[in-house]
Amino acid sequence: MLTKSSNKGLLQGRARILTHLTLVALSIPAILPMVWMIATSFKTDKQIFATEGHESALYLLKHMIPHPFYWKNYPAAIHAIPLEIYLRNSLRLCLFNVVGAVLSSAVVAYGFARLEFKGKNVLFMIMISTMALPGQVTMIPVFVVFRWLGWYGSYLPLTVPAFFGNAFFIFLLTQFYKSLPGDLSEAARIDGANEWTIFARVMLPLAKPALATCALFQFLATWNDFFGPLIYINDVRKYPLAYGLQQFLSNHGSEWARLMAASTLFVLPVIVLFFFAQRTFIEGIATTGGKN
């Protein structure tokens, strides 16, 4: 028995090691561009173009690591563009969009999951079908509407739509609400609570993992949004970071080291946020797949 148990444990250990090695190998193509970006941000122009004419993979790998590290690219990148203004604009957009999208989606999802009304299933299917509609299809009509409202050149086209719900978030939160026991709502009703009280004091506290997942998705979408500011913002002082980097490329296109330094600064907050919130993020995704 001991021999069979030890052999089984040995096989499981080898399978686990093989699985991890496979995952590491598959992640290399995704990680390599980021490693190249960070490495380039610490190089001089001479070091960047030192590999021209050398096609050997070993040669390129050897010269990927900068030697010596050139730290001055980061201060130069910060002073090349108004990074503080762009950062403040991005954080402002992220704050409004995250609050608006999460709260509005939570309210709508609660109605679909817990309330009974005529045409609920039809409305839910129509709402879900909007996820298959590319943004490019509605881009021109939406732009015409915002221009008619006089919102062109302001942050309103980039923030107000978030307060009308997000179809993907509504779907996730609806599945989460359906996975919660119905006895919780019934007990609250017996105690005299109305639907808003049940939603605010019972459902929202229990939905924290799912809400955090939606907030993270919305933060990433707003932080990386380039198309929206490109269409609606025409004032340099209102540019977010994503669009500000494009302006850096236009004005300093040949300064690749500084561009990579600015790109690293742009990506760094997202990486830090994901590492701090990854457990909540994974938990929220896992719990939204429950059944009623």
C-alpha atoms as a PDB file:
ATOM      1  CA  MET A   1       0.000   0.000   0.000  1.00  0.00           C
ATOM      2  CA  LEU A   2       2.812   2.385   0.825  1.00  0.00           C
ATOM      3  CA  THR A   3       4.449   1.667  -2.507  1.00  0.00           C
ATOM      4  CA  LYS A   4       1.258   2.323  -4.474  1.00  0.00           C
ATOM      5  CA  SER A   5       0.610   5.506  -2.519  1.00  0.00           C
ATOM      6  CA  SER A   6       4.141   6.802  -3.041  1.00  0.00           C
ATOM      7  CA  ASN A   7       4.020   5.974  -6.765  1.00  0.00           C
ATOM      8  CA  LYS A   8       0.702   7.779  -7.078  1.00  0.00           C
ATOM      9  CA  GLY A   9       2.107  10.828  -5.301  1.00  0.00           C
ATOM     10  CA  LEU A  10       5.202  10.766  -7.530  1.00  0.00           C
ATOM     11  CA  LEU A  11       3.075  10.627 -10.683  1.00  0.00           C
ATOM     12  CA  GLN A  12       0.903  13.487  -9.448  1.00  0.00           C
ATOM     13  CA  GLY A  13       4.001  15.549  -8.677  1.00  0.00           C
ATOM     14  CA  ARG A  14       5.441  14.944 -12.134  1.00  0.00           C
ATOM     15  CA  ALA A  15       2.108  15.803 -13.765  1.00  0.00           C
ATOM     16  CA  ARG A  16       1.948  19.030 -11.762  1.00  0.00           C
ATOM     17  CA  ILE A  17       5.497  19.984 -12.765  1.00  0.00           C
ATOM     18  CA  LEU A  18       4.755  19.193 -16.418  1.00  0.00           C
ATOM     19  CA  THR A  19       1.587  21.301 -16.271  1.00  0.00           C
ATOM     20  CA  HIS A  20       3.454  24.274 -14.803  1.00  0.00           C
ATOM     21  CA  LEU A  21       6.240  23.989 -17.376  1.00  0.00           C
ATOM     22  CA  THR A  22       3.673  23.917 -20.174  1.00  0.00           C
ATOM     23  CA  LEU A  23       1.921  27.002 -18.800  1.00  0.00           C
ATOM     24  CA  VAL A  24       5.234  28.830 -18.471  1.00  0.00           C
ATOM     25  CA  ALA A  25       6.172  27.953 -22.051  1.00  0.00           C
ATOM     26  CA  LEU A  26       2.799  29.138 -23.359  1.00  0.00           C
ATOM     27  CA  SER A  27       3.041  32.415 -21.415  1.00  0.00           C
ATOM     28  CA  ILE A  28       6.434  33.363 -22.900  1.00  0.00           C
ATOM     29  CA  PRO A  29       4.994  34.770 -26.182  1.00  0.00           C
ATOM     30  CA  ALA A  30       2.665  37.001 -24.139  1.00  0.00           C
ATOM     31  CA  ILE A  31       5.342  38.153 -21.696  1.00  0.00           C
ATOM     32  CA  LEU A  32       8.144  38.695 -24.225  1.00  0.00           C
ATOM     33  CA  PRO A  33       6.827  41.996 -25.705  1.00  0.00           C
ATOM     34  CA  MET A  34       6.485  43.470 -22.213  1.00  0.00           C
ATOM     35  CA  VAL A  35       9.991  42.329 -21.272  1.00  0.00           C
ATOM     36  CA  TRP A  36      11.315  43.868 -24.482  1.00  0.00           C
ATOM     37  CA  MET A  37       9.503  47.145 -23.728  1.00  0.00           C
ATOM     38  CA  ILE A  38      10.892  47.384 -20.194  1.00  0.00           C
ATOM     39  CA  ALA A  39      14.398  46.413 -21.320  1.00  0.00           C
ATOM     40  CA  THR A  40      14.337  49.007 -24.109  1.00  0.00           C
ATOM     41  CA  SER A  41      13.289  51.700 -21.650  1.00  0.00           C
ATOM     42  CA  PHE A  42      16.656  51.307 -19.902  1.00  0.00           C
ATOM     43  CA  LYS A  43      18.757  51.509 -23.066  1.00  0.00           C
ATOM     44  CA  THR A  44      20.410  54.298 -24.983  1.00  0.00           C
ATOM     45  CA  ASP A  45      19.756  54.754 -28.694  1.00  0.00           C
ATOM     46  CA  LYS A  46      23.122  53.171 -29.427  1.00  0.00           C
ATOM     47  CA  GLN A  47      22.191  50.063 -27.450  1.00  0.00           C
ATOM     48  CA  ILE A  48      18.766  49.825 -29.114  1.00  0.00           C
ATOM     49  CA  PHE A  49      20.164  49.761 -32.649  1.00  0.00           C
ATOM     50  CA  ALA A  50      23.206  47.645 -31.793  1.00  0.00           C
ATOM     51  CA  THR A  51      21.380  44.478 -32.931  1.00  0.00           C
ATOM     52  CA  GLU A  52      20.726  45.707 -36.484  1.00  0.00           C
ATOM     53  CA  GLY A  53      21.958  43.204 -39.039  1.00  0.00           C
ATOM     54  CA  HIS A  54      22.104  40.329 -36.510  1.00  0.00           C
ATOM     55  CA  GLU A  55      19.324  37.788 -36.996  1.00  0.00           C
ATOM     56  CA  SER A  56      20.582  35.217 -34.482  1.00  0.00           C
ATOM     57  CA  ALA A  57      18.095  34.584 -31.684  1.00  0.00           C
ATOM     58  CA  LEU A  58      20.896  34.040 -29.170  1.00  0.00           C
ATOM     59  CA  TYR A  59      22.509  37.342 -30.136  1.00  0.00           C
ATOM     60  CA  LEU A  60      19.214  39.209 -29.795  1.00  0.00           C
ATOM     61  CA  LEU A  61      18.526  37.544 -26.444  1.00  0.00           C
ATOM     62  CA  LYS A  62      21.997  38.402 -25.191  1.00  0.00           C
ATOM     63  CA  HIS A  63      21.588  42.073 -26.082  1.00  0.00           C
ATOM     64  CA  MET A  64      18.010  42.327 -24.760  1.00  0.00           C
ATOM     65  CA  ILE A  65      19.276  43.049 -21.255  1.00  0.00           C
ATOM     66  CA  PRO A  66      20.705  46.604 -21.191  1.00  0.00           C
ATOM     67  CA  HIS A  67      24.285  47.000 -20.068  1.00  0.00           C
ATOM     68  CA  PRO A  68      24.666  49.350 -18.402  1.00  0.00           C
ATOM     69  CA  PHE A  69      21.170  50.443 -17.347  1.00  0.00           C
ATOM     70  CA  TYR A  70      20.339  53.943 -18.523  1.00  0.00           C
ATOM     71  CA  TRP A  71      17.914  55.415 -15.960  1.00  0.00           C
ATOM     72  CA  LYS A  72      17.616  58.895 -17.447  1.00  0.00           C
ATOM     73  CA  ASN A  73      14.950  57.832 -19.967  1.00  0.00           C
ATOM     74  CA  TYR A  74      12.254  57.959 -17.300  1.00  0.00           C
ATOM     75  CA  PRO A  75      12.840  61.560 -16.133  1.00  0.00           C
ATOM     76  CA  ALA A  76      13.188  62.557 -19.794  1.00  0.00           C
ATOM     77  CA  ALA A  77       9.867  60.894 -20.674  1.00  0.00           C
ATOM     78  CA  ILE A  78       8.111  62.564 -17.745  1.00  0.00           C
ATOM     79  CA  HIS A  79       9.336  65.990 -18.818  1.00  0.00           C
ATOM     80  CA  ALA A  80       8.687  65.385 -22.530  1.00  0.00           C
ATOM     81  CA  ILE A  81       4.900  65.295 -22.026  1.00  0.00           C
ATOM     82  CA  PRO A  82       2.646  66.741 -19.275  1.00  0.00           C
ATOM     83  CA  LEU A  83       2.435  63.341 -17.629  1.00  0.00           C
ATOM     84  CA  GLU A  84       0.904  64.673 -14.405  1.00  0.00           C
ATOM     85  CA  ILE A  85      -1.996  66.296 -16.305  1.00  0.00           C
ATOM     86  CA  TYR A  86      -2.603  63.200 -18.438  1.00  0.00           C
ATOM     87  CA  LEU A  87      -2.512  60.979 -15.356  1.00  0.00           C
ATOM     88  CA  ARG A  88      -5.012  63.165 -13.524  1.00  0.00           C
ATOM     89  CA  ASN A  89      -7.329  63.136 -16.521  1.00  0.00           C
ATOM     90  CA  SER A  90      -7.150  59.338 -16.809  1.00  0.00           C
ATOM     91  CA  LEU A  91      -7.842  58.819 -13.115  1.00  0.00           C
ATOM     92  CA  ARG A  92     -10.789  61.199 -13.271  1.00  0.00           C
ATOM     93  CA  LEU A  93     -12.295  59.311 -16.199  1.00  0.00           C
ATOM     94  CA  CYS A  94     -11.676  55.970 -14.489  1.00  0.00           C
ATOM     95  CA  LEU A  95     -13.355  57.141 -11.275  1.00  0.00           C
ATOM     96  CA  PHE A  96     -16.554  58.351 -12.971  1.00  0.00           C
ATOM     97  CA  ASN A  97     -16.788  55.378 -15.318  1.00  0.00           C
ATOM     98  CA  VAL A  98     -16.167  52.765 -12.639  1.00  0.00           C
ATOM     99  CA  VAL A  99     -18.704  54.259 -10.224  1.00  0.00           C
ATOM    100  CA  GLY A 100     -21.298  54.819 -12.947  1.00  0.00           C
ATOM    101  CA  ALA A 101     -20.959  51.456 -14.687  1.00  0.00           C
ATOM    102  CA  VAL A 102     -20.839  49.334 -11.530  1.00  0.00           C
ATOM    103  CA  LEU A 103     -23.762  51.002  -9.710  1.00  0.00           C
ATOM    104  CA  SER A 104     -26.059  51.226 -12.742  1.00  0.00           C
ATOM    105  CA  SER A 105     -25.292  47.661 -13.823  1.00  0.00           C
ATOM    106  CA  ALA A 106     -25.887  46.375 -10.293  1.00  0.00           C
ATOM    107  CA  VAL A 107     -29.340  47.981 -10.175  1.00  0.00           C
ATOM    108  CA  VAL A 108     -30.387  46.663 -13.587  1.00  0.00           C
ATOM    109  CA  ALA A 109     -29.011  43.194 -12.874  1.00  0.00           C
ATOM    110  CA  TYR A 110     -30.954  43.012  -9.606  1.00  0.00           C
ATOM    111  CA  GLY A 111     -34.155  43.775 -11.504  1.00  0.00           C
ATOM    112  CA  PHE A 112     -33.498  41.019 -14.041  1.00  0.00           C
ATOM    113  CA  ALA A 113     -32.473  38.493 -11.403  1.00  0.00           C
ATOM    114  CA  ARG A 114     -34.943  39.111  -8.558  1.00  0.00           C
ATOM    115  CA  LEU A 115     -38.004  40.929  -9.900  1.00  0.00           C
ATOM    116  CA  GLU A 116     -40.811  39.550 -12.020  1.00  0.00           C
ATOM    117  CA  PHE A 117     -42.349  41.814 -14.654  1.00  0.00           C
ATOM    118  CA  LYS A 118     -43.890  41.454 -18.077  1.00  0.00           C
ATOM    119  CA  GLY A 119     -41.406  41.103 -20.925  1.00  0.00           C
ATOM    120  CA  LYS A 120     -38.397  40.545 -18.659  1.00  0.00           C
ATOM    121  CA  ASN A 121     -36.929  37.711 -20.719  1.00  0.00           C
ATOM    122  CA  VAL A 122     -37.377  39.626 -23.982  1.00  0.00           C
ATOM    123  CA  LEU A 123     -35.684  42.717 -22.559  1.00  0.00           C
ATOM    124  CA  PHE A 124     -32.848  40.598 -21.179  1.00  0.00           C
ATOM    125  CA  MET A 125     -32.255  38.969 -24.571  1.00  0.00           C
ATOM    126  CA  ILE A 126     -32.286  42.367 -26.297  1.00  0.00           C
ATOM    127  CA  MET A 127     -29.809  43.682 -23.739  1.00  0.00           C
ATOM    128  CA  ILE A 128     -27.529  40.653 -24.192  1.00  0.00           C
ATOM    129  CA  SER A 129     -27.709  40.962 -27.981  1.00  0.00           C
ATOM    130  CA  THR A 130     -26.114  44.423 -27.797  1.00  0.00           C
ATOM    131  CA  MET A 131     -22.875  42.712 -26.741  1.00  0.00           C
ATOM    132  CA  ALA A 132     -22.577  41.329 -30.285  1.00  0.00           C
ATOM    133  CA  LEU A 133     -22.914  44.799 -31.822  1.00  0.00           C
ATOM    134  CA  PRO A 134     -19.504  46.320 -32.670  1.00  0.00           C
ATOM    135  CA  GLY A 135     -18.910  49.859 -31.499  1.00  0.00           C
ATOM    136  CA  GLN A 136     -17.953  50.900 -35.029  1.00  0.00           C
ATOM    137  CA  VAL A 137     -21.550  50.275 -36.157  1.00  0.00           C
ATOM    138  CA  THR A 138     -23.026  52.849 -33.766  1.00  0.00           C
ATOM    139  CA  MET A 139     -20.044  55.215 -33.768  1.00  0.00           C
ATOM    140  CA  ILE A 140     -21.432  57.762 -36.235  1.00  0.00           C
ATOM    141  CA  PRO A 141     -25.018  57.938 -34.849  1.00  0.00           C
ATOM    142  CA  VAL A 142     -23.702  58.255 -31.300  1.00  0.00           C
ATOM    143  CA  PHE A 143     -21.258  60.969 -32.351  1.00  0.00           C
ATOM    144  CA  VAL A 144     -24.088  62.895 -34.061  1.00  0.00           C
ATOM    145  CA  VAL A 145     -26.208  62.694 -30.906  1.00  0.00           C
ATOM    146  CA  PHE A 146     -23.418  63.896 -28.624  1.00  0.00           C
ATOM    147  CA  ARG A 147     -22.556  66.707 -30.996  1.00  0.00           C
ATOM    148  CA  TRP A 148     -26.217  67.750 -31.144  1.00  0.00           C
ATOM    149  CA  LEU A 149     -26.254  67.819 -27.322  1.00  0.00           C
ATOM    150  CA  GLY A 150     -23.214  70.103 -27.363  1.00  0.00           C
ATOM    151  CA  TRP A 151     -21.010  67.615 -25.554  1.00  0.00           C
ATOM    152  CA  TYR A 152     -18.245  67.502 -28.154  1.00  0.00           C
ATOM    153  CA  GLY A 153     -14.922  68.552 -26.646  1.00  0.00           C
ATOM    154  CA  SER A 154     -15.919  67.582 -23.095  1.00  0.00           C
ATOM    155  CA  TYR A 155     -15.688  64.446 -20.953  1.00  0.00           C
ATOM    156  CA  LEU A 156     -19.459  63.905 -21.018  1.00  0.00           C
ATOM    157  CA  PRO A 157     -19.459  61.497 -24.024  1.00  0.00           C
ATOM    158  CA  LEU A 158     -16.796  59.442 -22.231  1.00  0.00           C
ATOM    159  CA  THR A 159     -18.525  59.289 -18.830  1.00  0.00           C
ATOM    160  CA  VAL A 160     -22.305  59.666 -19.132  1.00  0.00           C
ATOM    161  CA  PRO A 161     -22.881  56.368 -21.063  1.00  0.00           C
ATOM    162  CA  ALA A 162     -21.315  54.483 -18.140  1.00  0.00           C
ATOM    163  CA  PHE A 163     -24.246  55.524 -15.914  1.00  0.00           C
ATOM    164  CA  PHE A 164     -26.690  53.630 -18.155  1.00  0.00           C
ATOM    165  CA  GLY A 165     -25.275  50.187 -17.475  1.00  0.00           C
ATOM    166  CA  ASN A 166     -22.946  47.812 -19.274  1.00  0.00           C
ATOM    167  CA  ALA A 167     -24.436  44.733 -20.938  1.00  0.00           C
ATOM    168  CA  PHE A 168     -21.543  42.460 -19.954  1.00  0.00           C
ATOM    169  CA  PHE A 169     -21.580  43.614 -16.331  1.00  0.00           C
ATOM    170  CA  ILE A 170     -25.370  43.229 -16.163  1.00  0.00           C
ATOM    171  CA  PHE A 171     -25.053  39.670 -17.428  1.00  0.00           C
ATOM    172  CA  LEU A 172     -22.332  38.799 -14.885  1.00  0.00           C
ATOM    173  CA  LEU A 173     -24.181  40.349 -11.958  1.00  0.00           C
ATOM    174  CA  THR A 174     -27.489  38.769 -12.976  1.00  0.00           C
ATOM    175  CA  GLN A 175     -25.908  35.333 -12.846  1.00  0.00           C
ATOM    176  CA  PHE A 176     -24.390  36.149  -9.470  1.00  0.00           C
ATOM    177  CA  TYR A 177     -27.678  37.369  -7.968  1.00  0.00           C
ATOM    178  CA  LYS A 178     -29.416  34.226  -9.222  1.00  0.00           C
ATOM    179  CA  SER A 179     -26.858  32.076  -7.402  1.00  0.00           C
ATOM    180  CA  LEU A 180     -27.751  33.632  -4.033  1.00  0.00           C
ATOM    181  CA  PRO A 181     -30.410  31.889  -1.880  1.00  0.00           C
ATOM    182  CA  GLY A 182     -33.881  33.355  -2.281  1.00  0.00           C
ATOM    183  CA  ASP A 183     -34.482  32.907   1.444  1.00  0.00           C
ATOM    184  CA  LEU A 184     -32.311  35.961   2.120  1.00  0.00           C
ATOM    185  CA  SER A 185     -34.693  38.247   0.259  1.00  0.00           C
ATOM    186  CA  GLU A 186     -37.762  36.612   1.788  1.00  0.00           C
ATOM    187  CA  ALA A 187     -36.396  37.014   5.299  1.00  0.00           C
ATOM    188  CA  ALA A 188     -35.724  40.700   4.630  1.00  0.00           C
ATOM    189  CA  ARG A 189     -39.262  41.194   3.294  1.00  0.00           C
ATOM    190  CA  ILE A 190     -40.729  39.580   6.385  1.00  0.00           C
ATOM    191  CA  ASP A 191     -38.776  42.110   8.452  1.00  0.00           C
ATOM    192  CA  GLY A 192     -40.428  44.900   6.462  1.00  0.00           C
ATOM    193  CA  ALA A 193     -37.656  45.735   3.988  1.00  0.00           C
ATOM    194  CA  ASN A 194     -38.592  47.016   0.528  1.00  0.00           C
ATOM    195  CA  GLU A 195     -36.744  46.144  -2.671  1.00  0.00           C
ATOM    196  CA  TRP A 196     -34.289  49.056  -2.443  1.00  0.00           C
ATOM    197  CA  THR A 197     -33.401  48.082   1.131  1.00  0.00           C
ATOM    198  CA  ILE A 198     -32.902  44.451   0.130  1.00  0.00           C
ATOM    199  CA  PHE A 199     -30.735  45.540  -2.778  1.00  0.00           C
ATOM    200  CA  ALA A 200     -28.585  47.952  -0.745  1.00  0.00           C
ATOM    201  CA  ARG A 201     -28.242  46.022   2.528  1.00  0.00           C
ATOM    202  CA  VAL A 202     -28.442  42.370   1.455  1.00  0.00           C
ATOM    203  CA  MET A 203     -27.449  41.952  -2.171  1.00  0.00           C
ATOM    204  CA  LEU A 204     -24.720  44.553  -2.616  1.00  0.00           C
ATOM    205  CA  PRO A 205     -22.614  43.398   0.385  1.00  0.00           C
ATOM    206  CA  LEU A 206     -22.819  39.791  -0.841  1.00  0.00           C
ATOM    207  CA  ALA A 207     -21.917  40.829  -4.399  1.00  0.00           C
ATOM    208  CA  LYS A 208     -18.592  42.466  -3.512  1.00  0.00           C
ATOM    209  CA  PRO A 209     -16.438  39.947  -5.472  1.00  0.00           C
ATOM    210  CA  ALA A 210     -18.581  40.323  -8.600  1.00  0.00           C
ATOM    211  CA  LEU A 211     -18.714  44.114  -8.224  1.00  0.00           C
ATOM    212  CA  ALA A 212     -14.925  44.233  -7.824  1.00  0.00           C
ATOM    213  CA  THR A 213     -14.549  42.205 -11.015  1.00  0.00           C
ATOM    214  CA  CYS A 214     -16.788  44.611 -12.932  1.00  0.00           C
ATOM    215  CA  ALA A 215     -14.903  47.573 -11.473  1.00  0.00           C
ATOM    216  CA  LEU A 216     -11.580  46.103 -12.585  1.00  0.00           C
ATOM    217  CA  PHE A 217     -12.877  45.448 -16.109  1.00  0.00           C
ATOM    218  CA  GLN A 218     -14.216  48.988 -16.372  1.00  0.00           C
ATOM    219  CA  PHE A 219     -11.010  50.506 -15.005  1.00  0.00           C
ATOM    220  CA  LEU A 220      -8.921  48.658 -17.573  1.00  0.00           C
ATOM    221  CA  ALA A 221     -11.277  49.608 -20.413  1.00  0.00           C
ATOM    222  CA  THR A 222     -11.231  53.288 -19.452  1.00  0.00           C
ATOM    223  CA  TRP A 223      -7.498  53.382 -18.742  1.00  0.00           C
ATOM    224  CA  ASN A 224      -6.683  51.851 -22.133  1.00  0.00           C
ATOM    225  CA  ASP A 225      -9.346  53.757 -24.081  1.00  0.00           C
ATOM    226  CA  PHE A 226      -7.788  55.528 -27.041  1.00  0.00           C
ATOM    227  CA  PHE A 227     -10.645  55.670 -29.513  1.00  0.00           C
ATOM    228  CA  GLY A 228     -13.042  57.675 -27.328  1.00  0.00           C
ATOM    229  CA  PRO A 229     -10.657  60.570 -26.554  1.00  0.00           C
ATOM    230  CA  LEU A 230      -9.519  60.559 -30.182  1.00  0.00           C
ATOM    231  CA  ILE A 231     -13.090  61.271 -31.330  1.00  0.00           C
ATOM    232  CA  TYR A 232     -14.417  63.595 -28.639  1.00  0.00           C
ATOM    233  CA  ILE A 233     -11.454  65.412 -27.043  1.00  0.00           C
ATOM    234  CA  ASN A 234      -9.842  68.285 -28.939  1.00  0.00           C
ATOM    235  CA  ASP A 235      -8.044  70.032 -26.072  1.00  0.00           C
ATOM    236  CA  VAL A 236      -4.472  68.997 -25.213  1.00  0.00           C
ATOM    237  CA  ARG A 237      -5.097  69.754 -21.536  1.00  0.00           C
ATOM    238  CA  LYS A 238      -7.892  67.141 -21.452  1.00  0.00           C
ATOM    239  CA  TYR A 239      -5.963  64.253 -22.990  1.00  0.00           C
ATOM    240  CA  PRO A 240      -5.794  61.024 -20.946  1.00  0.00           C
ATOM    241  CA  LEU A 241      -2.616  58.980 -20.816  1.00  0.00           C
ATOM    242  CA  ALA A 242      -3.560  56.584 -23.626  1.00  0.00           C
ATOM    243  CA  TYR A 243      -4.040  59.422 -26.086  1.00  0.00           C
ATOM    244  CA  GLY A 244      -1.146  61.412 -24.611  1.00  0.00           C
ATOM    245  CA  LEU A 245       1.247  58.610 -25.525  1.00  0.00           C
ATOM    246  CA  GLN A 246       0.138  58.876 -29.137  1.00  0.00           C
ATOM    247  CA  GLN A 247       0.973  62.570 -29.040  1.00  0.00           C
ATOM    248  CA  PHE A 248       4.394  61.677 -27.624  1.00  0.00           C
ATOM    249  CA  LEU A 249       4.900  59.335 -30.585  1.00  0.00           C
ATOM    250  CA  SER A 250       3.926  62.106 -32.999  1.00  0.00           C
ATOM    251  CA  ASN A 251       6.314  64.631 -31.466  1.00  0.00           C
ATOM    252  CA  HIS A 252       9.175  62.297 -30.475  1.00  0.00           C
ATOM    253  CA  GLY A 253       8.772  59.409 -32.910  1.00  0.00           C
ATOM    254  CA  SER A 254      12.466  58.549 -33.172  1.00  0.00           C
ATOM    255  CA  GLU A 255      13.111  58.589 -29.400  1.00  0.00           C
ATOM    256  CA  TRP A 256      12.253  54.935 -28.839  1.00  0.00           C
ATOM    257  CA  ALA A 257      13.871  54.657 -25.420  1.00  0.00           C
ATOM    258  CA  ARG A 258      11.802  57.522 -24.012  1.00  0.00           C
ATOM    259  CA  LEU A 259       8.676  56.157 -25.668  1.00  0.00           C
ATOM    260  CA  MET A 260       9.222  52.759 -24.053  1.00  0.00           C
ATOM    261  CA  ALA A 261       9.835  54.451 -20.704  1.00  0.00           C
ATOM    262  CA  ALA A 262       6.555  56.360 -21.031  1.00  0.00           C
ATOM    263  CA  SER A 263       4.768  53.158 -22.090  1.00  0.00           C
ATOM    264  CA  THR A 264       6.161  51.322 -19.062  1.00  0.00           C
ATOM    265  CA  LEU A 265       4.868  54.062 -16.765  1.00  0.00           C
ATOM    266  CA  PHE A 266       1.488  53.752 -18.491  1.00  0.00           C
ATOM    267  CA  VAL A 267       1.295  49.967 -18.017  1.00  0.00           C
ATOM    268  CA  LEU A 268       2.711  49.870 -14.472  1.00  0.00           C
ATOM    269  CA  PRO A 269      -0.477  50.953 -12.591  1.00  0.00           C
ATOM    270  CA  VAL A 270      -2.515  48.289 -14.403  1.00  0.00           C
ATOM    271  CA  ILE A 271      -0.046  45.552 -13.496  1.00  0.00           C
ATOM    272  CA  VAL A 272       0.097  46.637  -9.852  1.00  0.00           C
ATOM    273  CA  LEU A 273      -3.712  46.815  -9.675  1.00  0.00           C
ATOM    274  CA  PHE A 274      -4.128  43.344 -11.122  1.00  0.00           C
ATOM    275  CA  PHE A 275      -1.622  41.764  -8.725  1.00  0.00           C
ATOM    276  CA  PHE A 276      -3.380  43.315  -5.736  1.00  0.00           C
ATOM    277  CA  ALA A 277      -6.871  42.454  -6.986  1.00  0.00           C
ATOM    278  CA  GLN A 278      -6.266  39.127  -8.747  1.00  0.00           C
ATOM    279  CA  ARG A 279      -7.775  37.006  -5.953  1.00  0.00           C
ATOM    280  CA  THR A 280     -10.946  39.108  -5.877  1.00  0.00           C
ATOM    281  CA  PHE A 281     -11.009  39.159  -9.666  1.00  0.00           C
ATOM    282  CA  ILE A 282     -10.794  35.360  -9.986  1.00  0.00           C
ATOM    283  CA  GLU A 283     -13.321  34.872  -7.193  1.00  0.00           C
ATOM    284  CA  GLY A 284     -15.773  37.227  -8.867  1.00  0.00           C
ATOM    285  CA  ILE A 285     -15.475  35.456 -12.230  1.00  0.00           C
ATOM    286  CA  ALA A 286     -15.897  32.041 -10.590  1.00  0.00           C
ATOM    287  CA  THR A 287     -18.975  32.995  -8.546  1.00  0.00           C
ATOM    288  CA  THR A 288     -20.840  34.494 -11.521  1.00  0.00           C
ATOM    289  CA  GLY A 289     -21.134  31.059 -13.086  1.00  0.00           C
ATOM    290  CA  GLY A 290     -23.318  29.621 -10.317  1.00  0.00           C
ATOM    291  CA  LYS A 291     -26.792  28.255 -10.934  1.00  0.00           C
ATOM    292  CA  ASN A 292     -29.981  29.241  -9.186  1.00  0.00           C
END
